[in-house]
Structures are given as structure tokens and as C-alpha cells.
Amino acid sequence: LIISTVVQGYGINDLDNPCLRECTG
């Protein structure tokens, strides 16, 4: 979990929500 956070950097959290997806309408 920590390594995943380090790879992505600081400041953007909680992006595992299923609502983050390709928006198709």
C-alpha cells in the first residue's frame, strides 16, 4: 500500500473508488 502511494506521489488520495472510471454517458 505504501509503495503504491510512493509511486503515485503526494496529494491525490482515495482514487480506488469505483466512480473513478471512463465516463461514457
PDBML (XML) file of the C-alpha atoms, coordinates in Angstrom:
<?xml version="1.0" encoding="UTF-8" ?>
<PDBx:datablock datablockName="MODEL"
   xmlns:PDBx="http://pdbml.pdb.org/schema/pdbx-v50.xsd"
   xmlns:xsi="http://www.w3.org/2001/XMLSchema-instance"
   xsi:schemaLocation="http://pdbml.pdb.org/schema/pdbx-v50.xsd pdbx-v50.xsd">
   <PDBx:atom_siteCategory>
      <PDBx:atom_site id="1">
         <PDBx:B_iso_or_equiv>0.00</PDBx:B_iso_or_equiv>
         <PDBx:Cartn_x>0.000</PDBx:Cartn_x>
         <PDBx:Cartn_y>0.000</PDBx:Cartn_y>
         <PDBx:Cartn_z>0.000</PDBx:Cartn_z>
         <PDBx:auth_asym_id>A</PDBx:auth_asym_id>
         <PDBx:auth_atom_id>CA</PDBx:auth_atom_id>
         <PDBx:auth_comp_id>LEU</PDBx:auth_comp_id>
         <PDBx:auth_seq_id>1</PDBx:auth_seq_id>
         <PDBx:group_PDB>ATOM</PDBx:group_PDB>
         <PDBx:label_alt_id xsi:nil="true" />
         <PDBx:label_asym_id>A</PDBx:label_asym_id>
         <PDBx:label_atom_id>CA</PDBx:label_atom_id>
         <PDBx:label_comp_id>LEU</PDBx:label_comp_id>
         <PDBx:label_entity_id>1</PDBx:label_entity_id>
         <PDBx:label_seq_id>1</PDBx:label_seq_id>
         <PDBx:occupancy>1.00</PDBx:occupancy>
         <PDBx:pdbx_PDB_model_num>1</PDBx:pdbx_PDB_model_num>
         <PDBx:type_symbol>C</PDBx:type_symbol>
      </PDBx:atom_site>
      <PDBx:atom_site id="2">
         <PDBx:B_iso_or_equiv>0.00</PDBx:B_iso_or_equiv>
         <PDBx:Cartn_x>2.768</PDBx:Cartn_x>
         <PDBx:Cartn_y>2.407</PDBx:Cartn_y>
         <PDBx:Cartn_z>0.935</PDBx:Cartn_z>
         <PDBx:auth_asym_id>A</PDBx:auth_asym_id>
         <PDBx:auth_atom_id>CA</PDBx:auth_atom_id>
         <PDBx:auth_comp_id>ILE</PDBx:auth_comp_id>
         <PDBx:auth_seq_id>2</PDBx:auth_seq_id>
         <PDBx:group_PDB>ATOM</PDBx:group_PDB>
         <PDBx:label_alt_id xsi:nil="true" />
         <PDBx:label_asym_id>A</PDBx:label_asym_id>
         <PDBx:label_atom_id>CA</PDBx:label_atom_id>
         <PDBx:label_comp_id>ILE</PDBx:label_comp_id>
         <PDBx:label_entity_id>1</PDBx:label_entity_id>
         <PDBx:label_seq_id>2</PDBx:label_seq_id>
         <PDBx:occupancy>1.00</PDBx:occupancy>
         <PDBx:pdbx_PDB_model_num>1</PDBx:pdbx_PDB_model_num>
         <PDBx:type_symbol>C</PDBx:type_symbol>
      </PDBx:atom_site>
      <PDBx:atom_site id="3">
         <PDBx:B_iso_or_equiv>0.00</PDBx:B_iso_or_equiv>
         <PDBx:Cartn_x>4.795</PDBx:Cartn_x>
         <PDBx:Cartn_y>1.618</PDBx:Cartn_y>
         <PDBx:Cartn_z>-2.189</PDBx:Cartn_z>
         <PDBx:auth_asym_id>A</PDBx:auth_asym_id>
         <PDBx:auth_atom_id>CA</PDBx:auth_atom_id>
         <PDBx:auth_comp_id>ILE</PDBx:auth_comp_id>
         <PDBx:auth_seq_id>3</PDBx:auth_seq_id>
         <PDBx:group_PDB>ATOM</PDBx:group_PDB>
         <PDBx:label_alt_id xsi:nil="true" />
         <PDBx:label_asym_id>A</PDBx:label_asym_id>
         <PDBx:label_atom_id>CA</PDBx:label_atom_id>
         <PDBx:label_comp_id>ILE</PDBx:label_comp_id>
         <PDBx:label_entity_id>1</PDBx:label_entity_id>
         <PDBx:label_seq_id>3</PDBx:label_seq_id>
         <PDBx:occupancy>1.00</PDBx:occupancy>
         <PDBx:pdbx_PDB_model_num>1</PDBx:pdbx_PDB_model_num>
         <PDBx:type_symbol>C</PDBx:type_symbol>
      </PDBx:atom_site>
      <PDBx:atom_site id="4">
         <PDBx:B_iso_or_equiv>0.00</PDBx:B_iso_or_equiv>
         <PDBx:Cartn_x>1.710</PDBx:Cartn_x>
         <PDBx:Cartn_y>2.292</PDBx:Cartn_y>
         <PDBx:Cartn_z>-4.335</PDBx:Cartn_z>
         <PDBx:auth_asym_id>A</PDBx:auth_asym_id>
         <PDBx:auth_atom_id>CA</PDBx:auth_atom_id>
         <PDBx:auth_comp_id>SER</PDBx:auth_comp_id>
         <PDBx:auth_seq_id>4</PDBx:auth_seq_id>
         <PDBx:group_PDB>ATOM</PDBx:group_PDB>
         <PDBx:label_alt_id xsi:nil="true" />
         <PDBx:label_asym_id>A</PDBx:label_asym_id>
         <PDBx:label_atom_id>CA</PDBx:label_atom_id>
         <PDBx:label_comp_id>SER</PDBx:label_comp_id>
         <PDBx:label_entity_id>1</PDBx:label_entity_id>
         <PDBx:label_seq_id>4</PDBx:label_seq_id>
         <PDBx:occupancy>1.00</PDBx:occupancy>
         <PDBx:pdbx_PDB_model_num>1</PDBx:pdbx_PDB_model_num>
         <PDBx:type_symbol>C</PDBx:type_symbol>
      </PDBx:atom_site>
      <PDBx:atom_site id="5">
         <PDBx:B_iso_or_equiv>0.00</PDBx:B_iso_or_equiv>
         <PDBx:Cartn_x>1.349</PDBx:Cartn_x>
         <PDBx:Cartn_y>5.667</PDBx:Cartn_y>
         <PDBx:Cartn_z>-2.641</PDBx:Cartn_z>
         <PDBx:auth_asym_id>A</PDBx:auth_asym_id>
         <PDBx:auth_atom_id>CA</PDBx:auth_atom_id>
         <PDBx:auth_comp_id>THR</PDBx:auth_comp_id>
         <PDBx:auth_seq_id>5</PDBx:auth_seq_id>
         <PDBx:group_PDB>ATOM</PDBx:group_PDB>
         <PDBx:label_alt_id xsi:nil="true" />
         <PDBx:label_asym_id>A</PDBx:label_asym_id>
         <PDBx:label_atom_id>CA</PDBx:label_atom_id>
         <PDBx:label_comp_id>THR</PDBx:label_comp_id>
         <PDBx:label_entity_id>1</PDBx:label_entity_id>
         <PDBx:label_seq_id>5</PDBx:label_seq_id>
         <PDBx:occupancy>1.00</PDBx:occupancy>
         <PDBx:pdbx_PDB_model_num>1</PDBx:pdbx_PDB_model_num>
         <PDBx:type_symbol>C</PDBx:type_symbol>
      </PDBx:atom_site>
      <PDBx:atom_site id="6">
         <PDBx:B_iso_or_equiv>0.00</PDBx:B_iso_or_equiv>
         <PDBx:Cartn_x>5.029</PDBx:Cartn_x>
         <PDBx:Cartn_y>6.493</PDBx:Cartn_y>
         <PDBx:Cartn_z>-3.171</PDBx:Cartn_z>
         <PDBx:auth_asym_id>A</PDBx:auth_asym_id>
         <PDBx:auth_atom_id>CA</PDBx:auth_atom_id>
         <PDBx:auth_comp_id>VAL</PDBx:auth_comp_id>
         <PDBx:auth_seq_id>6</PDBx:auth_seq_id>
         <PDBx:group_PDB>ATOM</PDBx:group_PDB>
         <PDBx:label_alt_id xsi:nil="true" />
         <PDBx:label_asym_id>A</PDBx:label_asym_id>
         <PDBx:label_atom_id>CA</PDBx:label_atom_id>
         <PDBx:label_comp_id>VAL</PDBx:label_comp_id>
         <PDBx:label_entity_id>1</PDBx:label_entity_id>
         <PDBx:label_seq_id>6</PDBx:label_seq_id>
         <PDBx:occupancy>1.00</PDBx:occupancy>
         <PDBx:pdbx_PDB_model_num>1</PDBx:pdbx_PDB_model_num>
         <PDBx:type_symbol>C</PDBx:type_symbol>
      </PDBx:atom_site>
      <PDBx:atom_site id="7">
         <PDBx:B_iso_or_equiv>0.00</PDBx:B_iso_or_equiv>
         <PDBx:Cartn_x>4.849</PDBx:Cartn_x>
         <PDBx:Cartn_y>5.632</PDBx:Cartn_y>
         <PDBx:Cartn_z>-6.856</PDBx:Cartn_z>
         <PDBx:auth_asym_id>A</PDBx:auth_asym_id>
         <PDBx:auth_atom_id>CA</PDBx:auth_atom_id>
         <PDBx:auth_comp_id>VAL</PDBx:auth_comp_id>
         <PDBx:auth_seq_id>7</PDBx:auth_seq_id>
         <PDBx:group_PDB>ATOM</PDBx:group_PDB>
         <PDBx:label_alt_id xsi:nil="true" />
         <PDBx:label_asym_id>A</PDBx:label_asym_id>
         <PDBx:label_atom_id>CA</PDBx:label_atom_id>
         <PDBx:label_comp_id>VAL</PDBx:label_comp_id>
         <PDBx:label_entity_id>1</PDBx:label_entity_id>
         <PDBx:label_seq_id>7</PDBx:label_seq_id>
         <PDBx:occupancy>1.00</PDBx:occupancy>
         <PDBx:pdbx_PDB_model_num>1</PDBx:pdbx_PDB_model_num>
         <PDBx:type_symbol>C</PDBx:type_symbol>
      </PDBx:atom_site>
      <PDBx:atom_site id="8">
         <PDBx:B_iso_or_equiv>0.00</PDBx:B_iso_or_equiv>
         <PDBx:Cartn_x>1.914</PDBx:Cartn_x>
         <PDBx:Cartn_y>7.962</PDBx:Cartn_y>
         <PDBx:Cartn_z>-7.410</PDBx:Cartn_z>
         <PDBx:auth_asym_id>A</PDBx:auth_asym_id>
         <PDBx:auth_atom_id>CA</PDBx:auth_atom_id>
         <PDBx:auth_comp_id>GLN</PDBx:auth_comp_id>
         <PDBx:auth_seq_id>8</PDBx:auth_seq_id>
         <PDBx:group_PDB>ATOM</PDBx:group_PDB>
         <PDBx:label_alt_id xsi:nil="true" />
         <PDBx:label_asym_id>A</PDBx:label_asym_id>
         <PDBx:label_atom_id>CA</PDBx:label_atom_id>
         <PDBx:label_comp_id>GLN</PDBx:label_comp_id>
         <PDBx:label_entity_id>1</PDBx:label_entity_id>
         <PDBx:label_seq_id>8</PDBx:label_seq_id>
         <PDBx:occupancy>1.00</PDBx:occupancy>
         <PDBx:pdbx_PDB_model_num>1</PDBx:pdbx_PDB_model_num>
         <PDBx:type_symbol>C</PDBx:type_symbol>
      </PDBx:atom_site>
      <PDBx:atom_site id="9">
         <PDBx:B_iso_or_equiv>0.00</PDBx:B_iso_or_equiv>
         <PDBx:Cartn_x>3.306</PDBx:Cartn_x>
         <PDBx:Cartn_y>10.837</PDBx:Cartn_y>
         <PDBx:Cartn_z>-5.332</PDBx:Cartn_z>
         <PDBx:auth_asym_id>A</PDBx:auth_asym_id>
         <PDBx:auth_atom_id>CA</PDBx:auth_atom_id>
         <PDBx:auth_comp_id>GLY</PDBx:auth_comp_id>
         <PDBx:auth_seq_id>9</PDBx:auth_seq_id>
         <PDBx:group_PDB>ATOM</PDBx:group_PDB>
         <PDBx:label_alt_id xsi:nil="true" />
         <PDBx:label_asym_id>A</PDBx:label_asym_id>
         <PDBx:label_atom_id>CA</PDBx:label_atom_id>
         <PDBx:label_comp_id>GLY</PDBx:label_comp_id>
         <PDBx:label_entity_id>1</PDBx:label_entity_id>
         <PDBx:label_seq_id>9</PDBx:label_seq_id>
         <PDBx:occupancy>1.00</PDBx:occupancy>
         <PDBx:pdbx_PDB_model_num>1</PDBx:pdbx_PDB_model_num>
         <PDBx:type_symbol>C</PDBx:type_symbol>
      </PDBx:atom_site>
      <PDBx:atom_site id="10">
         <PDBx:B_iso_or_equiv>0.00</PDBx:B_iso_or_equiv>
         <PDBx:Cartn_x>1.649</PDBx:Cartn_x>
         <PDBx:Cartn_y>13.157</PDBx:Cartn_y>
         <PDBx:Cartn_z>-2.851</PDBx:Cartn_z>
         <PDBx:auth_asym_id>A</PDBx:auth_asym_id>
         <PDBx:auth_atom_id>CA</PDBx:auth_atom_id>
         <PDBx:auth_comp_id>TYR</PDBx:auth_comp_id>
         <PDBx:auth_seq_id>10</PDBx:auth_seq_id>
         <PDBx:group_PDB>ATOM</PDBx:group_PDB>
         <PDBx:label_alt_id xsi:nil="true" />
         <PDBx:label_asym_id>A</PDBx:label_asym_id>
         <PDBx:label_atom_id>CA</PDBx:label_atom_id>
         <PDBx:label_comp_id>TYR</PDBx:label_comp_id>
         <PDBx:label_entity_id>1</PDBx:label_entity_id>
         <PDBx:label_seq_id>10</PDBx:label_seq_id>
         <PDBx:occupancy>1.00</PDBx:occupancy>
         <PDBx:pdbx_PDB_model_num>1</PDBx:pdbx_PDB_model_num>
         <PDBx:type_symbol>C</PDBx:type_symbol>
      </PDBx:atom_site>
      <PDBx:atom_site id="11">
         <PDBx:B_iso_or_equiv>0.00</PDBx:B_iso_or_equiv>
         <PDBx:Cartn_x>-1.710</PDBx:Cartn_x>
         <PDBx:Cartn_y>14.817</PDBx:Cartn_y>
         <PDBx:Cartn_z>-2.624</PDBx:Cartn_z>
         <PDBx:auth_asym_id>A</PDBx:auth_asym_id>
         <PDBx:auth_atom_id>CA</PDBx:auth_atom_id>
         <PDBx:auth_comp_id>GLY</PDBx:auth_comp_id>
         <PDBx:auth_seq_id>11</PDBx:auth_seq_id>
         <PDBx:group_PDB>ATOM</PDBx:group_PDB>
         <PDBx:label_alt_id xsi:nil="true" />
         <PDBx:label_asym_id>A</PDBx:label_asym_id>
         <PDBx:label_atom_id>CA</PDBx:label_atom_id>
         <PDBx:label_comp_id>GLY</PDBx:label_comp_id>
         <PDBx:label_entity_id>1</PDBx:label_entity_id>
         <PDBx:label_seq_id>11</PDBx:label_seq_id>
         <PDBx:occupancy>1.00</PDBx:occupancy>
         <PDBx:pdbx_PDB_model_num>1</PDBx:pdbx_PDB_model_num>
         <PDBx:type_symbol>C</PDBx:type_symbol>
      </PDBx:atom_site>
      <PDBx:atom_site id="12">
         <PDBx:B_iso_or_equiv>0.00</PDBx:B_iso_or_equiv>
         <PDBx:Cartn_x>-4.209</PDBx:Cartn_x>
         <PDBx:Cartn_y>12.680</PDBx:Cartn_y>
         <PDBx:Cartn_z>-4.568</PDBx:Cartn_z>
         <PDBx:auth_asym_id>A</PDBx:auth_asym_id>
         <PDBx:auth_atom_id>CA</PDBx:auth_atom_id>
         <PDBx:auth_comp_id>ILE</PDBx:auth_comp_id>
         <PDBx:auth_seq_id>12</PDBx:auth_seq_id>
         <PDBx:group_PDB>ATOM</PDBx:group_PDB>
         <PDBx:label_alt_id xsi:nil="true" />
         <PDBx:label_asym_id>A</PDBx:label_asym_id>
         <PDBx:label_atom_id>CA</PDBx:label_atom_id>
         <PDBx:label_comp_id>ILE</PDBx:label_comp_id>
         <PDBx:label_entity_id>1</PDBx:label_entity_id>
         <PDBx:label_seq_id>12</PDBx:label_seq_id>
         <PDBx:occupancy>1.00</PDBx:occupancy>
         <PDBx:pdbx_PDB_model_num>1</PDBx:pdbx_PDB_model_num>
         <PDBx:type_symbol>C</PDBx:type_symbol>
      </PDBx:atom_site>
      <PDBx:atom_site id="13">
         <PDBx:B_iso_or_equiv>0.00</PDBx:B_iso_or_equiv>
         <PDBx:Cartn_x>-5.998</PDBx:Cartn_x>
         <PDBx:Cartn_y>10.245</PDBx:Cartn_y>
         <PDBx:Cartn_z>-2.302</PDBx:Cartn_z>
         <PDBx:auth_asym_id>A</PDBx:auth_asym_id>
         <PDBx:auth_atom_id>CA</PDBx:auth_atom_id>
         <PDBx:auth_comp_id>ASN</PDBx:auth_comp_id>
         <PDBx:auth_seq_id>13</PDBx:auth_seq_id>
         <PDBx:group_PDB>ATOM</PDBx:group_PDB>
         <PDBx:label_alt_id xsi:nil="true" />
         <PDBx:label_asym_id>A</PDBx:label_asym_id>
         <PDBx:label_atom_id>CA</PDBx:label_atom_id>
         <PDBx:label_comp_id>ASN</PDBx:label_comp_id>
         <PDBx:label_entity_id>1</PDBx:label_entity_id>
         <PDBx:label_seq_id>13</PDBx:label_seq_id>
         <PDBx:occupancy>1.00</PDBx:occupancy>
         <PDBx:pdbx_PDB_model_num>1</PDBx:pdbx_PDB_model_num>
         <PDBx:type_symbol>C</PDBx:type_symbol>
      </PDBx:atom_site>
      <PDBx:atom_site id="14">
         <PDBx:B_iso_or_equiv>0.00</PDBx:B_iso_or_equiv>
         <PDBx:Cartn_x>-8.958</PDBx:Cartn_x>
         <PDBx:Cartn_y>7.859</PDBx:Cartn_y>
         <PDBx:Cartn_z>-2.372</PDBx:Cartn_z>
         <PDBx:auth_asym_id>A</PDBx:auth_asym_id>
         <PDBx:auth_atom_id>CA</PDBx:auth_atom_id>
         <PDBx:auth_comp_id>ASP</PDBx:auth_comp_id>
         <PDBx:auth_seq_id>14</PDBx:auth_seq_id>
         <PDBx:group_PDB>ATOM</PDBx:group_PDB>
         <PDBx:label_alt_id xsi:nil="true" />
         <PDBx:label_asym_id>A</PDBx:label_asym_id>
         <PDBx:label_atom_id>CA</PDBx:label_atom_id>
         <PDBx:label_comp_id>ASP</PDBx:label_comp_id>
         <PDBx:label_entity_id>1</PDBx:label_entity_id>
         <PDBx:label_seq_id>14</PDBx:label_seq_id>
         <PDBx:occupancy>1.00</PDBx:occupancy>
         <PDBx:pdbx_PDB_model_num>1</PDBx:pdbx_PDB_model_num>
         <PDBx:type_symbol>C</PDBx:type_symbol>
      </PDBx:atom_site>
      <PDBx:atom_site id="15">
         <PDBx:B_iso_or_equiv>0.00</PDBx:B_iso_or_equiv>
         <PDBx:Cartn_x>-8.750</PDBx:Cartn_x>
         <PDBx:Cartn_y>7.073</PDBx:Cartn_y>
         <PDBx:Cartn_z>-6.079</PDBx:Cartn_z>
         <PDBx:auth_asym_id>A</PDBx:auth_asym_id>
         <PDBx:auth_atom_id>CA</PDBx:auth_atom_id>
         <PDBx:auth_comp_id>LEU</PDBx:auth_comp_id>
         <PDBx:auth_seq_id>15</PDBx:auth_seq_id>
         <PDBx:group_PDB>ATOM</PDBx:group_PDB>
         <PDBx:label_alt_id xsi:nil="true" />
         <PDBx:label_asym_id>A</PDBx:label_asym_id>
         <PDBx:label_atom_id>CA</PDBx:label_atom_id>
         <PDBx:label_comp_id>LEU</PDBx:label_comp_id>
         <PDBx:label_entity_id>1</PDBx:label_entity_id>
         <PDBx:label_seq_id>15</PDBx:label_seq_id>
         <PDBx:occupancy>1.00</PDBx:occupancy>
         <PDBx:pdbx_PDB_model_num>1</PDBx:pdbx_PDB_model_num>
         <PDBx:type_symbol>C</PDBx:type_symbol>
      </PDBx:atom_site>
      <PDBx:atom_site id="16">
         <PDBx:B_iso_or_equiv>0.00</PDBx:B_iso_or_equiv>
         <PDBx:Cartn_x>-9.817</PDBx:Cartn_x>
         <PDBx:Cartn_y>3.478</PDBx:Cartn_y>
         <PDBx:Cartn_z>-5.563</PDBx:Cartn_z>
         <PDBx:auth_asym_id>A</PDBx:auth_asym_id>
         <PDBx:auth_atom_id>CA</PDBx:auth_atom_id>
         <PDBx:auth_comp_id>ASP</PDBx:auth_comp_id>
         <PDBx:auth_seq_id>16</PDBx:auth_seq_id>
         <PDBx:group_PDB>ATOM</PDBx:group_PDB>
         <PDBx:label_alt_id xsi:nil="true" />
         <PDBx:label_asym_id>A</PDBx:label_asym_id>
         <PDBx:label_atom_id>CA</PDBx:label_atom_id>
         <PDBx:label_comp_id>ASP</PDBx:label_comp_id>
         <PDBx:label_entity_id>1</PDBx:label_entity_id>
         <PDBx:label_seq_id>16</PDBx:label_seq_id>
         <PDBx:occupancy>1.00</PDBx:occupancy>
         <PDBx:pdbx_PDB_model_num>1</PDBx:pdbx_PDB_model_num>
         <PDBx:type_symbol>C</PDBx:type_symbol>
      </PDBx:atom_site>
      <PDBx:atom_site id="17">
         <PDBx:B_iso_or_equiv>0.00</PDBx:B_iso_or_equiv>
         <PDBx:Cartn_x>-13.496</PDBx:Cartn_x>
         <PDBx:Cartn_y>4.474</PDBx:Cartn_y>
         <PDBx:Cartn_z>-5.601</PDBx:Cartn_z>
         <PDBx:auth_asym_id>A</PDBx:auth_asym_id>
         <PDBx:auth_atom_id>CA</PDBx:auth_atom_id>
         <PDBx:auth_comp_id>ASN</PDBx:auth_comp_id>
         <PDBx:auth_seq_id>17</PDBx:auth_seq_id>
         <PDBx:group_PDB>ATOM</PDBx:group_PDB>
         <PDBx:label_alt_id xsi:nil="true" />
         <PDBx:label_asym_id>A</PDBx:label_asym_id>
         <PDBx:label_atom_id>CA</PDBx:label_atom_id>
         <PDBx:label_comp_id>ASN</PDBx:label_comp_id>
         <PDBx:label_entity_id>1</PDBx:label_entity_id>
         <PDBx:label_seq_id>17</PDBx:label_seq_id>
         <PDBx:occupancy>1.00</PDBx:occupancy>
         <PDBx:pdbx_PDB_model_num>1</PDBx:pdbx_PDB_model_num>
         <PDBx:type_symbol>C</PDBx:type_symbol>
      </PDBx:atom_site>
      <PDBx:atom_site id="18">
         <PDBx:B_iso_or_equiv>0.00</PDBx:B_iso_or_equiv>
         <PDBx:Cartn_x>-15.376</PDBx:Cartn_x>
         <PDBx:Cartn_y>2.677</PDBx:Cartn_y>
         <PDBx:Cartn_z>-8.421</PDBx:Cartn_z>
         <PDBx:auth_asym_id>A</PDBx:auth_asym_id>
         <PDBx:auth_atom_id>CA</PDBx:auth_atom_id>
         <PDBx:auth_comp_id>PRO</PDBx:auth_comp_id>
         <PDBx:auth_seq_id>18</PDBx:auth_seq_id>
         <PDBx:group_PDB>ATOM</PDBx:group_PDB>
         <PDBx:label_alt_id xsi:nil="true" />
         <PDBx:label_asym_id>A</PDBx:label_asym_id>
         <PDBx:label_atom_id>CA</PDBx:label_atom_id>
         <PDBx:label_comp_id>PRO</PDBx:label_comp_id>
         <PDBx:label_entity_id>1</PDBx:label_entity_id>
         <PDBx:label_seq_id>18</PDBx:label_seq_id>
         <PDBx:occupancy>1.00</PDBx:occupancy>
         <PDBx:pdbx_PDB_model_num>1</PDBx:pdbx_PDB_model_num>
         <PDBx:type_symbol>C</PDBx:type_symbol>
      </PDBx:atom_site>
      <PDBx:atom_site id="19">
         <PDBx:B_iso_or_equiv>0.00</PDBx:B_iso_or_equiv>
         <PDBx:Cartn_x>-16.819</PDBx:Cartn_x>
         <PDBx:Cartn_y>6.014</PDBx:Cartn_y>
         <PDBx:Cartn_z>-9.533</PDBx:Cartn_z>
         <PDBx:auth_asym_id>A</PDBx:auth_asym_id>
         <PDBx:auth_atom_id>CA</PDBx:auth_atom_id>
         <PDBx:auth_comp_id>CYS</PDBx:auth_comp_id>
         <PDBx:auth_seq_id>19</PDBx:auth_seq_id>
         <PDBx:group_PDB>ATOM</PDBx:group_PDB>
         <PDBx:label_alt_id xsi:nil="true" />
         <PDBx:label_asym_id>A</PDBx:label_asym_id>
         <PDBx:label_atom_id>CA</PDBx:label_atom_id>
         <PDBx:label_comp_id>CYS</PDBx:label_comp_id>
         <PDBx:label_entity_id>1</PDBx:label_entity_id>
         <PDBx:label_seq_id>19</PDBx:label_seq_id>
         <PDBx:occupancy>1.00</PDBx:occupancy>
         <PDBx:pdbx_PDB_model_num>1</PDBx:pdbx_PDB_model_num>
         <PDBx:type_symbol>C</PDBx:type_symbol>
      </PDBx:atom_site>
      <PDBx:atom_site id="20">
         <PDBx:B_iso_or_equiv>0.00</PDBx:B_iso_or_equiv>
         <PDBx:Cartn_x>-13.402</PDBx:Cartn_x>
         <PDBx:Cartn_y>6.941</PDBx:Cartn_y>
         <PDBx:Cartn_z>-10.937</PDBx:Cartn_z>
         <PDBx:auth_asym_id>A</PDBx:auth_asym_id>
         <PDBx:auth_atom_id>CA</PDBx:auth_atom_id>
         <PDBx:auth_comp_id>LEU</PDBx:auth_comp_id>
         <PDBx:auth_seq_id>20</PDBx:auth_seq_id>
         <PDBx:group_PDB>ATOM</PDBx:group_PDB>
         <PDBx:label_alt_id xsi:nil="true" />
         <PDBx:label_asym_id>A</PDBx:label_asym_id>
         <PDBx:label_atom_id>CA</PDBx:label_atom_id>
         <PDBx:label_comp_id>LEU</PDBx:label_comp_id>
         <PDBx:label_entity_id>1</PDBx:label_entity_id>
         <PDBx:label_seq_id>20</PDBx:label_seq_id>
         <PDBx:occupancy>1.00</PDBx:occupancy>
         <PDBx:pdbx_PDB_model_num>1</PDBx:pdbx_PDB_model_num>
         <PDBx:type_symbol>C</PDBx:type_symbol>
      </PDBx:atom_site>
      <PDBx:atom_site id="21">
         <PDBx:B_iso_or_equiv>0.00</PDBx:B_iso_or_equiv>
         <PDBx:Cartn_x>-13.933</PDBx:Cartn_x>
         <PDBx:Cartn_y>5.419</PDBx:Cartn_y>
         <PDBx:Cartn_z>-14.373</PDBx:Cartn_z>
         <PDBx:auth_asym_id>A</PDBx:auth_asym_id>
         <PDBx:auth_atom_id>CA</PDBx:auth_atom_id>
         <PDBx:auth_comp_id>ARG</PDBx:auth_comp_id>
         <PDBx:auth_seq_id>21</PDBx:auth_seq_id>
         <PDBx:group_PDB>ATOM</PDBx:group_PDB>
         <PDBx:label_alt_id xsi:nil="true" />
         <PDBx:label_asym_id>A</PDBx:label_asym_id>
         <PDBx:label_atom_id>CA</PDBx:label_atom_id>
         <PDBx:label_comp_id>ARG</PDBx:label_comp_id>
         <PDBx:label_entity_id>1</PDBx:label_entity_id>
         <PDBx:label_seq_id>21</PDBx:label_seq_id>
         <PDBx:occupancy>1.00</PDBx:occupancy>
         <PDBx:pdbx_PDB_model_num>1</PDBx:pdbx_PDB_model_num>
         <PDBx:type_symbol>C</PDBx:type_symbol>
      </PDBx:atom_site>
      <PDBx:atom_site id="22">
         <PDBx:B_iso_or_equiv>0.00</PDBx:B_iso_or_equiv>
         <PDBx:Cartn_x>-14.166</PDBx:Cartn_x>
         <PDBx:Cartn_y>6.255</PDBx:Cartn_y>
         <PDBx:Cartn_z>-18.041</PDBx:Cartn_z>
         <PDBx:auth_asym_id>A</PDBx:auth_asym_id>
         <PDBx:auth_atom_id>CA</PDBx:auth_atom_id>
         <PDBx:auth_comp_id>GLU</PDBx:auth_comp_id>
         <PDBx:auth_seq_id>22</PDBx:auth_seq_id>
         <PDBx:group_PDB>ATOM</PDBx:group_PDB>
         <PDBx:label_alt_id xsi:nil="true" />
         <PDBx:label_asym_id>A</PDBx:label_asym_id>
         <PDBx:label_atom_id>CA</PDBx:label_atom_id>
         <PDBx:label_comp_id>GLU</PDBx:label_comp_id>
         <PDBx:label_entity_id>1</PDBx:label_entity_id>
         <PDBx:label_seq_id>22</PDBx:label_seq_id>
         <PDBx:occupancy>1.00</PDBx:occupancy>
         <PDBx:pdbx_PDB_model_num>1</PDBx:pdbx_PDB_model_num>
         <PDBx:type_symbol>C</PDBx:type_symbol>
      </PDBx:atom_site>
      <PDBx:atom_site id="23">
         <PDBx:B_iso_or_equiv>0.00</PDBx:B_iso_or_equiv>
         <PDBx:Cartn_x>-17.224</PDBx:Cartn_x>
         <PDBx:Cartn_y>8.452</PDBx:Cartn_y>
         <PDBx:Cartn_z>-18.486</PDBx:Cartn_z>
         <PDBx:auth_asym_id>A</PDBx:auth_asym_id>
         <PDBx:auth_atom_id>CA</PDBx:auth_atom_id>
         <PDBx:auth_comp_id>CYS</PDBx:auth_comp_id>
         <PDBx:auth_seq_id>23</PDBx:auth_seq_id>
         <PDBx:group_PDB>ATOM</PDBx:group_PDB>
         <PDBx:label_alt_id xsi:nil="true" />
         <PDBx:label_asym_id>A</PDBx:label_asym_id>
         <PDBx:label_atom_id>CA</PDBx:label_atom_id>
         <PDBx:label_comp_id>CYS</PDBx:label_comp_id>
         <PDBx:label_entity_id>1</PDBx:label_entity_id>
         <PDBx:label_seq_id>23</PDBx:label_seq_id>
         <PDBx:occupancy>1.00</PDBx:occupancy>
         <PDBx:pdbx_PDB_model_num>1</PDBx:pdbx_PDB_model_num>
         <PDBx:type_symbol>C</PDBx:type_symbol>
      </PDBx:atom_site>
      <PDBx:atom_site id="24">
         <PDBx:B_iso_or_equiv>0.00</PDBx:B_iso_or_equiv>
         <PDBx:Cartn_x>-19.386</PDBx:Cartn_x>
         <PDBx:Cartn_y>7.087</PDBx:Cartn_y>
         <PDBx:Cartn_z>-21.290</PDBx:Cartn_z>
         <PDBx:auth_asym_id>A</PDBx:auth_asym_id>
         <PDBx:auth_atom_id>CA</PDBx:auth_atom_id>
         <PDBx:auth_comp_id>THR</PDBx:auth_comp_id>
         <PDBx:auth_seq_id>24</PDBx:auth_seq_id>
         <PDBx:group_PDB>ATOM</PDBx:group_PDB>
         <PDBx:label_alt_id xsi:nil="true" />
         <PDBx:label_asym_id>A</PDBx:label_asym_id>
         <PDBx:label_atom_id>CA</PDBx:label_atom_id>
         <PDBx:label_comp_id>THR</PDBx:label_comp_id>
         <PDBx:label_entity_id>1</PDBx:label_entity_id>
         <PDBx:label_seq_id>24</PDBx:label_seq_id>
         <PDBx:occupancy>1.00</PDBx:occupancy>
         <PDBx:pdbx_PDB_model_num>1</PDBx:pdbx_PDB_model_num>
         <PDBx:type_symbol>C</PDBx:type_symbol>
      </PDBx:atom_site>
      <PDBx:atom_site id="25">
         <PDBx:B_iso_or_equiv>0.00</PDBx:B_iso_or_equiv>
         <PDBx:Cartn_x>-22.692</PDBx:Cartn_x>
         <PDBx:Cartn_y>8.828</PDBx:Cartn_y>
         <PDBx:Cartn_z>-20.629</PDBx:Cartn_z>
         <PDBx:auth_asym_id>A</PDBx:auth_asym_id>
         <PDBx:auth_atom_id>CA</PDBx:auth_atom_id>
         <PDBx:auth_comp_id>GLY</PDBx:auth_comp_id>
         <PDBx:auth_seq_id>25</PDBx:auth_seq_id>
         <PDBx:group_PDB>ATOM</PDBx:group_PDB>
         <PDBx:label_alt_id xsi:nil="true" />
         <PDBx:label_asym_id>A</PDBx:label_asym_id>
         <PDBx:label_atom_id>CA</PDBx:label_atom_id>
         <PDBx:label_comp_id>GLY</PDBx:label_comp_id>
         <PDBx:label_entity_id>1</PDBx:label_entity_id>
         <PDBx:label_seq_id>25</PDBx:label_seq_id>
         <PDBx:occupancy>1.00</PDBx:occupancy>
         <PDBx:pdbx_PDB_model_num>1</PDBx:pdbx_PDB_model_num>
         <PDBx:type_symbol>C</PDBx:type_symbol>
      </PDBx:atom_site>
   </PDBx:atom_siteCategory>
</PDBx:datablock>
